[in-house]
Amino acid sequence: MGGIGSLLTEAAARKDLPVVQVLSLLLVTVFVVLNAVVDVVIAIIDPDSVKSRRSA
C-alpha cells in the first residue's frame, strides 16, 4: 500500500522529474500552510506569546 512518500521515492528512482516537482511542491505547500495555521491558533490561544515574540 503506497502513499505520497512511496510515490515520490519511486518517481525519483525512475527520474520522473514532473512527478517529483509536483509532489515536492505539494508537500512544501502543505507544510507552510500547516505552520501558518498553527501560528494563528497559538496567537488565539495565548496572545502573550505573540507579544513576547515581537519584543525579542
PDB file of N, CA and C in Angstrom:
ATOM      1  N   MET A   1       0.848  -1.179   0.000  1.00  0.00           N
ATOM      2  CA  MET A   1       0.000   0.000   0.000  1.00  0.00           C
ATOM      3  C   MET A   1       0.889   1.236   0.000  1.00  0.00           C
ATOM      4  N   GLY A   2       0.742   2.042  -1.015  1.00  0.00           N
ATOM      5  CA  GLY A   2       1.627   3.177  -1.158  1.00  0.00           C
ATOM      6  C   GLY A   2       0.958   4.491  -0.812  1.00  0.00           C
ATOM      7  N   GLY A   3       1.805   5.427  -0.451  1.00  0.00           N
ATOM      8  CA  GLY A   3       1.329   6.771  -0.164  1.00  0.00           C
ATOM      9  C   GLY A   3       2.129   7.775  -0.978  1.00  0.00           C
ATOM     10  N   ILE A   4       2.071   8.996  -0.546  1.00  0.00           N
ATOM     11  CA  ILE A   4       2.786  10.047  -1.260  1.00  0.00           C
ATOM     12  C   ILE A   4       4.290   9.846  -1.160  1.00  0.00           C
ATOM     13  N   GLY A   5       4.750   9.411  -0.008  1.00  0.00           N
ATOM     14  CA  GLY A   5       6.192   9.190   0.176  1.00  0.00           C
ATOM     15  C   GLY A   5       6.735   8.119  -0.746  1.00  0.00           C
ATOM     16  N   SER A   6       6.018   7.022  -0.853  1.00  0.00           N
ATOM     17  CA  SER A   6       6.492   5.951  -1.736  1.00  0.00           C
ATOM     18  C   SER A   6       6.371   6.363  -3.204  1.00  0.00           C
ATOM     19  N   LEU A   7       5.334   7.122  -3.533  1.00  0.00           N
ATOM     20  CA  LEU A   7       5.197   7.622  -4.899  1.00  0.00           C
ATOM     21  C   LEU A   7       6.354   8.555  -5.243  1.00  0.00           C
ATOM     22  N   LEU A   8       6.725   9.419  -4.308  1.00  0.00           N
ATOM     23  CA  LEU A   8       7.847  10.332  -4.522  1.00  0.00           C
ATOM     24  C   LEU A   8       9.155   9.556  -4.671  1.00  0.00           C
ATOM     25  N   THR A   9       9.348   8.553  -3.849  1.00  0.00           N
ATOM     26  CA  THR A   9      10.563   7.737  -3.923  1.00  0.00           C
ATOM     27  C   THR A   9      10.645   6.992  -5.251  1.00  0.00           C
ATOM     28  N   GLU A  10       9.535   6.394  -5.672  1.00  0.00           N
ATOM     29  CA  GLU A  10       9.517   5.668  -6.947  1.00  0.00           C
ATOM     30  C   GLU A  10       9.735   6.605  -8.132  1.00  0.00           C
ATOM     31  N   ALA A  11       9.131   7.802  -8.071  1.00  0.00           N
ATOM     32  CA  ALA A  11       9.303   8.766  -9.158  1.00  0.00           C
ATOM     33  C   ALA A  11      10.750   9.231  -9.234  1.00  0.00           C
ATOM     34  N   ALA A  12      11.376   9.421  -8.098  1.00  0.00           N
ATOM     35  CA  ALA A  12      12.784   9.829  -8.084  1.00  0.00           C
ATOM     36  C   ALA A  12      13.664   8.719  -8.653  1.00  0.00           C
ATOM     37  N   ALA A  13      13.345   7.484  -8.326  1.00  0.00           N
ATOM     38  CA  ALA A  13      14.128   6.359  -8.845  1.00  0.00           C
ATOM     39  C   ALA A  13      13.964   6.226 -10.361  1.00  0.00           C
ATOM     40  N   ARG A  14      12.765   6.546 -10.869  1.00  0.00           N
ATOM     41  CA  ARG A  14      12.511   6.483 -12.318  1.00  0.00           C
ATOM     42  C   ARG A  14      12.964   7.749 -13.045  1.00  0.00           C
ATOM     43  N   LYS A  15      13.426   8.729 -12.260  1.00  0.00           N
ATOM     44  CA  LYS A  15      13.841  10.034 -12.793  1.00  0.00           C
ATOM     45  C   LYS A  15      12.679  10.720 -13.510  1.00  0.00           C
ATOM     46  N   ASP A  16      11.504  10.600 -12.905  1.00  0.00           N
ATOM     47  CA  ASP A  16      10.289  11.223 -13.429  1.00  0.00           C
ATOM     48  C   ASP A  16      10.176  12.619 -12.814  1.00  0.00           C
ATOM     49  N   LEU A  17      10.875  13.574 -13.420  1.00  0.00           N
ATOM     50  CA  LEU A  17      11.013  14.905 -12.852  1.00  0.00           C
ATOM     51  C   LEU A  17       9.687  15.635 -12.643  1.00  0.00           C
ATOM     52  N   PRO A  18       8.747  15.615 -13.572  1.00  0.00           N
ATOM     53  CA  PRO A  18       7.489  16.334 -13.316  1.00  0.00           C
ATOM     54  C   PRO A  18       6.741  15.829 -12.075  1.00  0.00           C
ATOM     55  N   VAL A  19       6.733  14.535 -11.867  1.00  0.00           N
ATOM     56  CA  VAL A  19       6.054  13.981 -10.685  1.00  0.00           C
ATOM     57  C   VAL A  19       6.794  14.396  -9.420  1.00  0.00           C
ATOM     58  N   VAL A  20       8.111  14.351  -9.446  1.00  0.00           N
ATOM     59  CA  VAL A  20       8.900  14.767  -8.281  1.00  0.00           C
ATOM     60  C   VAL A  20       8.649  16.241  -7.971  1.00  0.00           C
ATOM     61  N   GLN A  21       8.608  17.082  -8.994  1.00  0.00           N
ATOM     62  CA  GLN A  21       8.380  18.508  -8.783  1.00  0.00           C
ATOM     63  C   GLN A  21       6.993  18.772  -8.194  1.00  0.00           C
ATOM     64  N   VAL A  22       5.983  18.143  -8.736  1.00  0.00           N
ATOM     65  CA  VAL A  22       4.623  18.366  -8.246  1.00  0.00           C
ATOM     66  C   VAL A  22       4.474  17.876  -6.806  1.00  0.00           C
ATOM     67  N   LEU A  23       4.986  16.704  -6.512  1.00  0.00           N
ATOM     68  CA  LEU A  23       4.868  16.178  -5.158  1.00  0.00           C
ATOM     69  C   LEU A  23       5.670  17.007  -4.162  1.00  0.00           C
ATOM     70  N   SER A  24       6.833  17.470  -4.571  1.00  0.00           N
ATOM     71  CA  SER A  24       7.637  18.321  -3.691  1.00  0.00           C
ATOM     72  C   SER A  24       6.916  19.629  -3.415  1.00  0.00           C
ATOM     73  N   LEU A  25       6.358  20.234  -4.448  1.00  0.00           N
ATOM     74  CA  LEU A  25       5.607  21.473  -4.276  1.00  0.00           C
ATOM     75  C   LEU A  25       4.398  21.255  -3.379  1.00  0.00           C
ATOM     76  N   LEU A  26       3.706  20.155  -3.558  1.00  0.00           N
ATOM     77  CA  LEU A  26       2.547  19.835  -2.731  1.00  0.00           C
ATOM     78  C   LEU A  26       2.944  19.689  -1.261  1.00  0.00           C
ATOM     79  N   LEU A  27       3.993  18.940  -0.992  1.00  0.00           N
ATOM     80  CA  LEU A  27       4.423  18.716   0.383  1.00  0.00           C
ATOM     81  C   LEU A  27       4.891  20.006   1.036  1.00  0.00           C
ATOM     82  N   VAL A  28       5.626  20.827   0.313  1.00  0.00           N
ATOM     83  CA  VAL A  28       6.092  22.098   0.864  1.00  0.00           C
ATOM     84  C   VAL A  28       4.911  23.025   1.138  1.00  0.00           C
ATOM     85  N   THR A  29       3.938  23.057   0.240  1.00  0.00           N
ATOM     86  CA  THR A  29       2.762  23.906   0.426  1.00  0.00           C
ATOM     87  C   THR A  29       1.973  23.476   1.658  1.00  0.00           C
ATOM     88  N   VAL A  30       1.778  22.186   1.815  1.00  0.00           N
ATOM     89  CA  VAL A  30       1.069  21.674   2.994  1.00  0.00           C
ATOM     90  C   VAL A  30       1.827  22.044   4.266  1.00  0.00           C
ATOM     91  N   PHE A  31       3.130  21.916   4.255  1.00  0.00           N
ATOM     92  CA  PHE A  31       3.963  22.241   5.414  1.00  0.00           C
ATOM     93  C   PHE A  31       3.825  23.719   5.782  1.00  0.00           C
ATOM     94  N   VAL A  32       3.916  24.602   4.801  1.00  0.00           N
ATOM     95  CA  VAL A  32       3.832  26.042   5.054  1.00  0.00           C
ATOM     96  C   VAL A  32       2.441  26.424   5.554  1.00  0.00           C
ATOM     97  N   VAL A  33       1.403  25.887   4.942  1.00  0.00           N
ATOM     98  CA  VAL A  33       0.036  26.205   5.362  1.00  0.00           C
ATOM     99  C   VAL A  33      -0.220  25.711   6.783  1.00  0.00           C
ATOM    100  N   LEU A  34       0.217  24.518   7.095  1.00  0.00           N
ATOM    101  CA  LEU A  34       0.015  23.999   8.452  1.00  0.00           C
ATOM    102  C   LEU A  34       0.775  24.829   9.482  1.00  0.00           C
ATOM    103  N   ASN A  35       1.976  25.273   9.154  1.00  0.00           N
ATOM    104  CA  ASN A  35       2.723  26.134  10.074  1.00  0.00           C
ATOM    105  C   ASN A  35       2.007  27.454  10.307  1.00  0.00           C
ATOM    106  N   ALA A  36       1.438  28.028   9.256  1.00  0.00           N
ATOM    107  CA  ALA A  36       0.693  29.277   9.401  1.00  0.00           C
ATOM    108  C   ALA A  36      -0.546  29.075  10.262  1.00  0.00           C
ATOM    109  N   VAL A  37      -1.252  27.973  10.052  1.00  0.00           N
ATOM    110  CA  VAL A  37      -2.446  27.678  10.854  1.00  0.00           C
ATOM    111  C   VAL A  37      -2.068  27.511  12.327  1.00  0.00           C
ATOM    112  N   VAL A  38      -1.000  26.807  12.598  1.00  0.00           N
ATOM    113  CA  VAL A  38      -0.552  26.617  13.984  1.00  0.00           C
ATOM    114  C   VAL A  38      -0.178  27.956  14.615  1.00  0.00           C
ATOM    115  N   ASP A  39       0.496  28.821  13.877  1.00  0.00           N
ATOM    116  CA  ASP A  39       0.845  30.139  14.403  1.00  0.00           C
ATOM    117  C   ASP A  39      -0.401  30.944  14.761  1.00  0.00           C
ATOM    118  N   VAL A  40      -1.411  30.897  13.914  1.00  0.00           N
ATOM    119  CA  VAL A  40      -2.651  31.627  14.191  1.00  0.00           C
ATOM    120  C   VAL A  40      -3.356  31.041  15.404  1.00  0.00           C
ATOM    121  N   VAL A  41      -3.417  29.733  15.490  1.00  0.00           N
ATOM    122  CA  VAL A  41      -4.078  29.084  16.632  1.00  0.00           C
ATOM    123  C   VAL A  41      -3.344  29.415  17.924  1.00  0.00           C
ATOM    124  N   ILE A  42      -2.032  29.404  17.910  1.00  0.00           N
ATOM    125  CA  ILE A  42      -1.263  29.745  19.110  1.00  0.00           C
ATOM    126  C   ILE A  42      -1.507  31.197  19.496  1.00  0.00           C
ATOM    127  N   ALA A  43      -1.578  32.092  18.512  1.00  0.00           N
ATOM    128  CA  ALA A  43      -1.851  33.503  18.800  1.00  0.00           C
ATOM    129  C   ALA A  43      -3.239  33.686  19.413  1.00  0.00           C
ATOM    130  N   ILE A  44      -4.201  32.888  18.990  1.00  0.00           N
ATOM    131  CA  ILE A  44      -5.553  32.971  19.551  1.00  0.00           C
ATOM    132  C   ILE A  44      -5.585  32.408  20.963  1.00  0.00           C
ATOM    133  N   ILE A  45      -4.922  31.289  21.165  1.00  0.00           N
ATOM    134  CA  ILE A  45      -4.947  30.633  22.477  1.00  0.00           C
ATOM    135  C   ILE A  45      -4.153  31.421  23.513  1.00  0.00           C
ATOM    136  N   ASP A  46      -2.978  31.897  23.118  1.00  0.00           N
ATOM    137  CA  ASP A  46      -2.090  32.580  24.064  1.00  0.00           C
ATOM    138  C   ASP A  46      -1.537  33.855  23.427  1.00  0.00           C
ATOM    139  N   PRO A  47      -2.280  34.950  23.500  1.00  0.00           N
ATOM    140  CA  PRO A  47      -1.832  36.196  22.870  1.00  0.00           C
ATOM    141  C   PRO A  47      -0.521  36.727  23.444  1.00  0.00           C
ATOM    142  N   ASP A  48      -0.205  36.381  24.690  1.00  0.00           N
ATOM    143  CA  ASP A  48       1.048  36.844  25.290  1.00  0.00           C
ATOM    144  C   ASP A  48       2.271  36.275  24.588  1.00  0.00           C
ATOM    145  N   SER A  49       2.135  35.091  24.006  1.00  0.00           N
ATOM    146  CA  SER A  49       3.280  34.501  23.311  1.00  0.00           C
ATOM    147  C   SER A  49       3.645  35.321  22.077  1.00  0.00           C
ATOM    148  N   VAL A  50       2.669  35.930  21.427  1.00  0.00           N
ATOM    149  CA  VAL A  50       2.927  36.765  20.265  1.00  0.00           C
ATOM    150  C   VAL A  50       3.592  38.066  20.700  1.00  0.00           C
ATOM    151  N   LYS A  51       3.129  38.645  21.778  1.00  0.00           N
ATOM    152  CA  LYS A  51       3.713  39.893  22.291  1.00  0.00           C
ATOM    153  C   LYS A  51       5.167  39.691  22.695  1.00  0.00           C
ATOM    154  N   SER A  52       5.454  38.578  23.355  1.00  0.00           N
ATOM    155  CA  SER A  52       6.837  38.331  23.779  1.00  0.00           C
ATOM    156  C   SER A  52       7.740  38.053  22.583  1.00  0.00           C
ATOM    157  N   ARG A  53       7.202  37.466  21.519  1.00  0.00           N
ATOM    158  CA  ARG A  53       7.988  37.182  20.334  1.00  0.00           C
ATOM    159  C   ARG A  53       8.339  38.474  19.579  1.00  0.00           C
ATOM    160  N   ARG A  54       7.437  39.437  19.592  1.00  0.00           N
ATOM    161  CA  ARG A  54       7.673  40.703  18.886  1.00  0.00           C
ATOM    162  C   ARG A  54       8.764  41.522  19.571  1.00  0.00           C
ATOM    163  N   SER A  55       8.840  41.466  20.886  1.00  0.00           N
ATOM    164  CA  SER A  55       9.819  42.279  21.603  1.00  0.00           C
ATOM    165  C   SER A  55      11.209  41.662  21.584  1.00  0.00           C
ATOM    166  N   ALA A  56      11.299  40.418  21.220  1.00  0.00           N
ATOM    167  CA  ALA A  56      12.607  39.732  21.236  1.00  0.00           C
ATOM    168  C   ALA A  56      13.432  40.093  20.021  1.00  0.00           C
TER     169      ALA A  56
END
